N, C-alpha and C. Protein backbone atom coordinates (compact mmCIF):
# COMPACT_ATOMS: atom_id res chain seq x y z
N MET A 1 15.01 18.11 13.63
CA MET A 1 13.56 18.22 13.67
C MET A 1 13.01 16.96 14.35
N LYS A 2 12.24 17.17 15.38
CA LYS A 2 11.58 16.05 16.06
C LYS A 2 10.29 15.74 15.31
N VAL A 3 10.14 14.48 14.92
CA VAL A 3 8.94 14.08 14.18
C VAL A 3 8.22 13.00 14.99
N GLU A 4 6.99 13.30 15.37
CA GLU A 4 6.19 12.32 16.08
C GLU A 4 5.64 11.32 15.08
N ILE A 5 5.24 10.16 15.60
CA ILE A 5 4.58 9.19 14.74
C ILE A 5 3.09 9.42 14.87
N PHE A 6 2.48 9.82 13.78
CA PHE A 6 1.04 9.99 13.73
C PHE A 6 0.59 9.69 12.32
N CYS A 7 -0.67 9.40 12.18
CA CYS A 7 -1.22 9.00 10.89
C CYS A 7 -2.37 9.91 10.51
N PRO A 8 -2.67 9.94 9.23
CA PRO A 8 -3.83 10.72 8.81
C PRO A 8 -5.11 10.07 9.35
N ILE A 9 -6.04 10.89 9.75
CA ILE A 9 -7.31 10.40 10.30
C ILE A 9 -8.43 10.83 9.37
N THR A 10 -9.39 9.96 9.20
CA THR A 10 -10.54 10.24 8.36
C THR A 10 -11.81 9.85 9.11
N ASN A 11 -12.95 10.16 8.54
CA ASN A 11 -14.21 9.77 9.17
C ASN A 11 -14.66 8.38 8.71
N LYS A 12 -13.81 7.68 7.98
CA LYS A 12 -14.14 6.35 7.48
C LYS A 12 -13.44 5.29 8.32
N ILE A 13 -14.00 4.09 8.30
CA ILE A 13 -13.38 2.96 9.00
C ILE A 13 -13.10 1.85 7.99
N THR A 14 -12.22 0.97 8.37
CA THR A 14 -11.88 -0.18 7.53
C THR A 14 -11.55 -1.35 8.45
N ASP A 15 -11.46 -2.52 7.88
CA ASP A 15 -11.14 -3.73 8.63
C ASP A 15 -9.64 -4.00 8.52
N GLU A 16 -8.97 -3.98 9.66
CA GLU A 16 -7.53 -4.21 9.70
C GLU A 16 -7.15 -5.57 9.12
N SER A 17 -7.97 -6.59 9.34
CA SER A 17 -7.69 -7.93 8.80
C SER A 17 -7.70 -7.93 7.28
N VAL A 18 -8.61 -7.17 6.69
CA VAL A 18 -8.67 -7.06 5.23
C VAL A 18 -7.39 -6.39 4.73
N ALA A 19 -6.99 -5.32 5.39
CA ALA A 19 -5.77 -4.61 4.99
C ALA A 19 -4.54 -5.53 5.06
N ARG A 20 -4.47 -6.32 6.10
CA ARG A 20 -3.31 -7.21 6.24
C ARG A 20 -3.33 -8.32 5.20
N LEU A 21 -4.51 -8.84 4.89
CA LEU A 21 -4.59 -9.87 3.85
C LEU A 21 -4.30 -9.26 2.48
N ASN A 22 -4.77 -8.04 2.24
CA ASN A 22 -4.41 -7.34 0.99
C ASN A 22 -2.89 -7.24 0.86
N ALA A 23 -2.23 -6.90 1.97
CA ALA A 23 -0.77 -6.80 1.96
C ALA A 23 -0.14 -8.16 1.66
N GLY A 24 -0.73 -9.22 2.18
CA GLY A 24 -0.24 -10.57 1.87
C GLY A 24 -0.35 -10.89 0.39
N PHE A 25 -1.46 -10.51 -0.21
CA PHE A 25 -1.62 -10.70 -1.66
C PHE A 25 -0.59 -9.87 -2.43
N THR A 26 -0.31 -8.68 -1.92
CA THR A 26 0.70 -7.82 -2.55
C THR A 26 2.06 -8.50 -2.53
N VAL A 27 2.40 -9.11 -1.42
CA VAL A 27 3.66 -9.86 -1.30
C VAL A 27 3.72 -10.95 -2.36
N VAL A 28 2.66 -11.72 -2.50
CA VAL A 28 2.63 -12.82 -3.47
C VAL A 28 2.75 -12.28 -4.91
N LEU A 29 2.03 -11.22 -5.21
CA LEU A 29 2.09 -10.65 -6.56
C LEU A 29 3.47 -10.08 -6.87
N LEU A 30 4.09 -9.44 -5.90
CA LEU A 30 5.45 -8.94 -6.13
C LEU A 30 6.45 -10.08 -6.27
N LEU A 31 6.26 -11.15 -5.52
CA LEU A 31 7.11 -12.34 -5.70
C LEU A 31 6.99 -12.88 -7.11
N SER A 32 5.77 -12.88 -7.66
CA SER A 32 5.60 -13.37 -9.02
C SER A 32 6.32 -12.48 -10.02
N TYR A 33 6.36 -11.17 -9.75
CA TYR A 33 7.13 -10.26 -10.60
C TYR A 33 8.62 -10.59 -10.53
N PHE A 34 9.13 -10.83 -9.32
CA PHE A 34 10.55 -11.15 -9.16
C PHE A 34 10.92 -12.43 -9.90
N VAL A 35 10.05 -13.43 -9.81
CA VAL A 35 10.34 -14.74 -10.39
C VAL A 35 10.21 -14.74 -11.92
N THR A 36 9.20 -14.02 -12.43
CA THR A 36 8.92 -14.10 -13.87
C THR A 36 9.40 -12.90 -14.67
N SER A 37 9.70 -11.80 -14.03
CA SER A 37 10.02 -10.53 -14.71
C SER A 37 8.87 -10.05 -15.59
N ASN A 38 7.68 -10.52 -15.29
CA ASN A 38 6.47 -10.09 -16.00
C ASN A 38 5.85 -8.95 -15.19
N ILE A 39 5.64 -7.80 -15.83
CA ILE A 39 5.17 -6.61 -15.14
C ILE A 39 3.66 -6.62 -14.86
N VAL A 40 2.93 -7.56 -15.43
CA VAL A 40 1.47 -7.59 -15.29
C VAL A 40 1.01 -7.59 -13.82
N PRO A 41 1.62 -8.38 -12.92
CA PRO A 41 1.17 -8.31 -11.52
C PRO A 41 1.31 -6.92 -10.91
N VAL A 42 2.34 -6.19 -11.31
CA VAL A 42 2.55 -4.84 -10.78
C VAL A 42 1.51 -3.88 -11.37
N VAL A 43 1.15 -4.08 -12.63
CA VAL A 43 0.09 -3.27 -13.25
C VAL A 43 -1.22 -3.52 -12.50
N PHE A 44 -1.49 -4.78 -12.20
CA PHE A 44 -2.68 -5.11 -11.42
C PHE A 44 -2.65 -4.40 -10.06
N LEU A 45 -1.48 -4.43 -9.40
CA LEU A 45 -1.35 -3.75 -8.11
C LEU A 45 -1.59 -2.25 -8.24
N LEU A 46 -1.10 -1.65 -9.32
CA LEU A 46 -1.33 -0.22 -9.53
C LEU A 46 -2.82 0.07 -9.59
N LEU A 47 -3.55 -0.71 -10.36
CA LEU A 47 -5.00 -0.50 -10.48
C LEU A 47 -5.71 -0.73 -9.15
N ASP A 48 -5.33 -1.79 -8.46
CA ASP A 48 -5.99 -2.13 -7.20
C ASP A 48 -5.68 -1.10 -6.10
N PHE A 49 -4.41 -0.73 -5.97
CA PHE A 49 -4.04 0.28 -4.98
C PHE A 49 -4.68 1.63 -5.30
N THR A 50 -4.76 1.96 -6.57
CA THR A 50 -5.37 3.24 -6.95
C THR A 50 -6.84 3.27 -6.57
N ALA A 51 -7.54 2.16 -6.75
CA ALA A 51 -8.95 2.10 -6.34
C ALA A 51 -9.08 2.41 -4.86
N ARG A 52 -8.19 1.85 -4.06
CA ARG A 52 -8.24 2.10 -2.62
C ARG A 52 -7.73 3.51 -2.28
N ALA A 53 -6.75 4.00 -3.03
CA ALA A 53 -6.19 5.32 -2.78
C ALA A 53 -7.20 6.43 -3.05
N ILE A 54 -8.09 6.21 -4.01
CA ILE A 54 -9.11 7.23 -4.31
C ILE A 54 -10.39 6.94 -3.52
N GLU A 55 -10.25 6.09 -2.54
CA GLU A 55 -11.33 5.77 -1.59
C GLU A 55 -12.53 5.10 -2.27
N ARG A 56 -12.21 4.19 -3.18
CA ARG A 56 -13.23 3.36 -3.83
C ARG A 56 -12.87 1.88 -3.62
N PRO A 57 -12.85 1.41 -2.36
CA PRO A 57 -12.44 0.02 -2.11
C PRO A 57 -13.35 -1.00 -2.77
N GLU A 58 -14.57 -0.61 -3.10
CA GLU A 58 -15.47 -1.54 -3.77
C GLU A 58 -14.98 -1.89 -5.18
N TRP A 59 -14.05 -1.11 -5.73
CA TRP A 59 -13.45 -1.41 -7.03
C TRP A 59 -12.21 -2.29 -6.90
N SER A 60 -11.77 -2.56 -5.69
CA SER A 60 -10.55 -3.32 -5.45
C SER A 60 -10.83 -4.82 -5.42
N ILE A 61 -10.25 -5.52 -6.37
CA ILE A 61 -10.41 -6.98 -6.41
C ILE A 61 -9.76 -7.62 -5.19
N LEU A 62 -8.61 -7.09 -4.78
CA LEU A 62 -7.96 -7.66 -3.60
C LEU A 62 -8.81 -7.48 -2.36
N SER A 63 -9.39 -6.31 -2.18
CA SER A 63 -10.25 -6.08 -1.00
C SER A 63 -11.46 -7.00 -1.01
N LYS A 64 -12.09 -7.14 -2.18
CA LYS A 64 -13.25 -8.04 -2.28
C LYS A 64 -12.85 -9.47 -1.96
N THR A 65 -11.71 -9.90 -2.50
CA THR A 65 -11.23 -11.26 -2.26
C THR A 65 -10.89 -11.47 -0.79
N SER A 66 -10.20 -10.49 -0.20
CA SER A 66 -9.84 -10.58 1.22
C SER A 66 -11.08 -10.66 2.10
N LYS A 67 -12.07 -9.82 1.83
CA LYS A 67 -13.32 -9.84 2.61
C LYS A 67 -14.01 -11.20 2.49
N TRP A 68 -14.04 -11.76 1.28
CA TRP A 68 -14.68 -13.05 1.04
C TRP A 68 -13.97 -14.16 1.83
N ILE A 69 -12.64 -14.17 1.75
CA ILE A 69 -11.86 -15.20 2.45
C ILE A 69 -12.06 -15.09 3.96
N LEU A 70 -11.97 -13.87 4.47
CA LEU A 70 -12.12 -13.68 5.92
C LEU A 70 -13.52 -14.05 6.39
N LYS A 71 -14.52 -13.78 5.56
CA LYS A 71 -15.89 -14.17 5.91
C LYS A 71 -16.02 -15.69 5.94
N LYS A 72 -15.46 -16.36 4.93
CA LYS A 72 -15.51 -17.83 4.89
C LYS A 72 -14.78 -18.45 6.07
N LEU A 73 -13.69 -17.82 6.49
CA LEU A 73 -12.93 -18.33 7.63
C LEU A 73 -13.49 -17.84 8.97
N GLN A 74 -14.54 -17.05 8.90
CA GLN A 74 -15.22 -16.50 10.07
C GLN A 74 -14.27 -15.72 10.98
N VAL A 75 -13.40 -14.94 10.35
CA VAL A 75 -12.48 -14.08 11.10
C VAL A 75 -13.26 -12.83 11.51
N GLU A 76 -13.19 -12.51 12.77
CA GLU A 76 -13.91 -11.35 13.30
C GLU A 76 -13.26 -10.06 12.77
N SER A 77 -14.11 -9.12 12.38
CA SER A 77 -13.62 -7.83 11.89
C SER A 77 -12.95 -7.07 13.02
N LYS A 78 -11.88 -6.36 12.67
CA LYS A 78 -11.22 -5.46 13.61
C LYS A 78 -11.24 -4.08 12.95
N LEU A 79 -12.25 -3.29 13.30
CA LEU A 79 -12.43 -2.00 12.66
C LEU A 79 -11.45 -0.97 13.20
N ILE A 80 -10.82 -0.25 12.26
CA ILE A 80 -9.86 0.80 12.58
C ILE A 80 -10.14 2.00 11.69
N ASN A 81 -9.53 3.12 12.01
CA ASN A 81 -9.66 4.30 11.16
C ASN A 81 -9.02 4.01 9.81
N ALA A 82 -9.70 4.40 8.73
CA ALA A 82 -9.22 4.10 7.38
C ALA A 82 -8.12 5.03 6.90
N GLY A 83 -7.93 6.16 7.57
CA GLY A 83 -6.95 7.15 7.11
C GLY A 83 -5.56 6.59 6.83
N PRO A 84 -4.97 5.86 7.78
CA PRO A 84 -3.63 5.32 7.52
C PRO A 84 -3.61 4.33 6.34
N LYS A 85 -4.66 3.55 6.20
CA LYS A 85 -4.69 2.56 5.11
C LYS A 85 -4.91 3.25 3.76
N ILE A 86 -5.66 4.34 3.74
CA ILE A 86 -5.82 5.11 2.50
C ILE A 86 -4.47 5.72 2.10
N PHE A 87 -3.78 6.29 3.08
CA PHE A 87 -2.45 6.85 2.80
C PHE A 87 -1.50 5.75 2.33
N ALA A 88 -1.54 4.59 2.97
CA ALA A 88 -0.70 3.47 2.56
C ALA A 88 -1.03 3.03 1.13
N ALA A 89 -2.30 3.07 0.77
CA ALA A 89 -2.69 2.72 -0.61
C ALA A 89 -2.09 3.72 -1.60
N ARG A 90 -2.01 4.97 -1.20
CA ARG A 90 -1.40 5.99 -2.07
C ARG A 90 0.09 5.73 -2.23
N ILE A 91 0.74 5.31 -1.16
CA ILE A 91 2.15 4.92 -1.24
C ILE A 91 2.29 3.70 -2.15
N GLY A 92 1.39 2.73 -2.00
CA GLY A 92 1.41 1.54 -2.86
C GLY A 92 1.20 1.88 -4.32
N SER A 93 0.31 2.81 -4.61
CA SER A 93 0.10 3.27 -5.99
C SER A 93 1.37 3.88 -6.54
N PHE A 94 2.00 4.72 -5.72
CA PHE A 94 3.24 5.38 -6.13
C PHE A 94 4.33 4.35 -6.44
N PHE A 95 4.54 3.40 -5.54
CA PHE A 95 5.57 2.39 -5.77
C PHE A 95 5.25 1.52 -6.99
N SER A 96 3.98 1.19 -7.17
CA SER A 96 3.60 0.42 -8.36
C SER A 96 3.92 1.20 -9.63
N LEU A 97 3.54 2.48 -9.62
CA LEU A 97 3.75 3.32 -10.80
C LEU A 97 5.22 3.47 -11.14
N ILE A 98 6.06 3.78 -10.15
CA ILE A 98 7.47 3.97 -10.48
C ILE A 98 8.17 2.65 -10.82
N THR A 99 7.69 1.55 -10.25
CA THR A 99 8.23 0.23 -10.63
C THR A 99 7.93 -0.04 -12.11
N ILE A 100 6.71 0.24 -12.53
CA ILE A 100 6.31 0.06 -13.93
C ILE A 100 7.09 1.00 -14.83
N LEU A 101 7.22 2.25 -14.41
CA LEU A 101 7.93 3.25 -15.21
C LEU A 101 9.36 2.81 -15.50
N PHE A 102 10.08 2.39 -14.47
CA PHE A 102 11.47 1.96 -14.69
C PHE A 102 11.54 0.66 -15.50
N PHE A 103 10.56 -0.19 -15.36
CA PHE A 103 10.48 -1.39 -16.20
C PHE A 103 10.35 -0.99 -17.67
N LEU A 104 9.43 -0.05 -17.95
CA LEU A 104 9.20 0.41 -19.33
C LEU A 104 10.38 1.19 -19.89
N LEU A 105 11.14 1.83 -19.01
CA LEU A 105 12.35 2.55 -19.45
C LEU A 105 13.55 1.61 -19.64
N LYS A 106 13.28 0.32 -19.52
CA LYS A 106 14.31 -0.71 -19.69
C LYS A 106 15.44 -0.58 -18.66
N LEU A 107 15.03 -0.27 -17.44
CA LEU A 107 15.95 -0.21 -16.30
C LEU A 107 15.48 -1.21 -15.26
N PRO A 108 15.63 -2.50 -15.59
CA PRO A 108 15.06 -3.55 -14.73
C PRO A 108 15.66 -3.59 -13.33
N SER A 109 16.93 -3.24 -13.18
CA SER A 109 17.54 -3.28 -11.83
C SER A 109 16.87 -2.28 -10.90
N ILE A 110 16.60 -1.09 -11.42
CA ILE A 110 15.93 -0.07 -10.60
C ILE A 110 14.49 -0.50 -10.32
N SER A 111 13.83 -1.04 -11.33
CA SER A 111 12.46 -1.52 -11.16
C SER A 111 12.39 -2.59 -10.08
N ILE A 112 13.30 -3.54 -10.13
CA ILE A 112 13.33 -4.62 -9.14
C ILE A 112 13.65 -4.07 -7.75
N ALA A 113 14.58 -3.12 -7.68
CA ALA A 113 14.94 -2.53 -6.38
C ALA A 113 13.74 -1.82 -5.75
N LEU A 114 13.02 -1.06 -6.55
CA LEU A 114 11.82 -0.36 -6.03
C LEU A 114 10.76 -1.37 -5.60
N ALA A 115 10.57 -2.41 -6.41
CA ALA A 115 9.61 -3.45 -6.06
C ALA A 115 10.03 -4.17 -4.77
N ALA A 116 11.34 -4.30 -4.57
CA ALA A 116 11.83 -4.94 -3.34
C ALA A 116 11.50 -4.10 -2.10
N VAL A 117 11.64 -2.80 -2.21
CA VAL A 117 11.27 -1.91 -1.10
C VAL A 117 9.77 -2.05 -0.83
N PHE A 118 8.99 -2.00 -1.90
CA PHE A 118 7.53 -2.17 -1.83
C PHE A 118 7.19 -3.51 -1.18
N PHE A 119 7.90 -4.56 -1.56
CA PHE A 119 7.72 -5.90 -1.01
C PHE A 119 7.94 -5.90 0.51
N VAL A 120 9.00 -5.25 0.95
CA VAL A 120 9.31 -5.20 2.39
C VAL A 120 8.19 -4.47 3.14
N PHE A 121 7.72 -3.35 2.57
CA PHE A 121 6.62 -2.61 3.21
C PHE A 121 5.40 -3.52 3.37
N ALA A 122 5.04 -4.22 2.29
CA ALA A 122 3.86 -5.09 2.31
C ALA A 122 4.06 -6.26 3.27
N LEU A 123 5.25 -6.82 3.29
CA LEU A 123 5.54 -7.93 4.19
C LEU A 123 5.44 -7.50 5.66
N LEU A 124 5.96 -6.33 5.97
CA LEU A 124 5.87 -5.82 7.34
C LEU A 124 4.40 -5.62 7.76
N GLU A 125 3.59 -5.09 6.86
CA GLU A 125 2.17 -4.89 7.16
C GLU A 125 1.47 -6.23 7.34
N SER A 126 1.70 -7.14 6.41
CA SER A 126 1.01 -8.42 6.43
C SER A 126 1.41 -9.29 7.62
N ALA A 127 2.69 -9.44 7.83
CA ALA A 127 3.18 -10.37 8.85
C ALA A 127 3.20 -9.78 10.26
N PHE A 128 3.48 -8.47 10.37
CA PHE A 128 3.70 -7.89 11.70
C PHE A 128 2.77 -6.72 12.04
N ASN A 129 1.85 -6.40 11.13
CA ASN A 129 0.94 -5.28 11.33
C ASN A 129 1.72 -3.98 11.57
N TYR A 130 2.84 -3.84 10.88
CA TYR A 130 3.70 -2.67 11.00
C TYR A 130 3.52 -1.82 9.75
N CYS A 131 2.94 -0.65 9.93
CA CYS A 131 2.61 0.23 8.81
C CYS A 131 3.76 1.22 8.57
N VAL A 132 4.54 0.98 7.52
CA VAL A 132 5.64 1.88 7.19
C VAL A 132 5.10 3.24 6.76
N ALA A 133 3.94 3.26 6.11
CA ALA A 133 3.34 4.53 5.68
C ALA A 133 3.12 5.46 6.88
N CYS A 134 2.76 4.89 8.03
CA CYS A 134 2.57 5.71 9.24
C CYS A 134 3.88 6.31 9.71
N ARG A 135 4.99 5.69 9.38
CA ARG A 135 6.31 6.23 9.74
C ARG A 135 6.75 7.29 8.74
N ILE A 136 6.28 7.18 7.50
CA ILE A 136 6.63 8.13 6.44
C ILE A 136 5.76 9.39 6.52
N TYR A 137 4.51 9.22 6.89
CA TYR A 137 3.54 10.31 6.88
C TYR A 137 4.00 11.57 7.62
N PRO A 138 4.55 11.47 8.82
CA PRO A 138 4.95 12.70 9.53
C PRO A 138 5.97 13.53 8.74
N PHE A 139 6.88 12.86 8.03
CA PHE A 139 7.88 13.59 7.26
C PHE A 139 7.24 14.34 6.09
N ILE A 140 6.32 13.67 5.42
CA ILE A 140 5.60 14.31 4.32
C ILE A 140 4.75 15.46 4.85
N TYR A 141 4.07 15.23 5.95
CA TYR A 141 3.23 16.25 6.56
C TYR A 141 4.05 17.49 6.92
N HIS A 142 5.17 17.28 7.59
CA HIS A 142 6.02 18.41 8.01
C HIS A 142 6.64 19.11 6.80
N ALA A 143 7.00 18.35 5.77
CA ALA A 143 7.55 18.96 4.55
C ALA A 143 6.50 19.84 3.87
N LEU A 144 5.28 19.36 3.82
CA LEU A 144 4.20 20.15 3.20
C LEU A 144 3.87 21.38 4.04
N GLN A 145 3.92 21.24 5.36
CA GLN A 145 3.68 22.38 6.25
C GLN A 145 4.76 23.44 6.05
N ALA A 146 6.01 23.02 5.94
CA ALA A 146 7.11 23.95 5.73
C ALA A 146 6.97 24.67 4.38
N LYS A 147 6.54 23.92 3.37
CA LYS A 147 6.35 24.50 2.04
C LYS A 147 5.23 25.56 2.07
N ASP A 148 4.15 25.25 2.80
CA ASP A 148 3.05 26.21 2.93
C ASP A 148 3.50 27.49 3.65
N LYS A 149 4.38 27.35 4.63
CA LYS A 149 4.84 28.52 5.38
C LYS A 149 5.73 29.43 4.52
N GLU A 150 6.39 28.83 3.52
CA GLU A 150 7.26 29.61 2.63
C GLU A 150 6.45 30.53 1.72
N LYS A 151 5.20 30.18 1.47
CA LYS A 151 4.36 30.94 0.53
C LYS A 151 3.94 32.26 1.07
């Protein structure tokens, strides 16, 4: 199956710099989980990513903080379509949730492994503006299309 790289598109826009700084904060919070084995930073990430995933960025502490920092540093906004970042937030919510779930099930190795994958995704976004969610989306899209055709 040939899968093109494409992302979900919405009628909303977002600031790419905010998204990248949010990803940087995610990296730091996941590092704190690795160092301390305290799940609280991941719980915070679940709440924050969920706010963005349900398209309520005004509820996101990370987004508010990123916007404030970028304004203070006078970084020019780079407006992009919000669709890929909303989808990425949904992926972030999912990874946060399953990381917490395996932590609560007393399976710390699996929890850490999932958080490590999540960490790599966030690091790629923050440091290189490489959106892994945009690479995952076509597979999910095609899988859902195939499932719909079976009905």
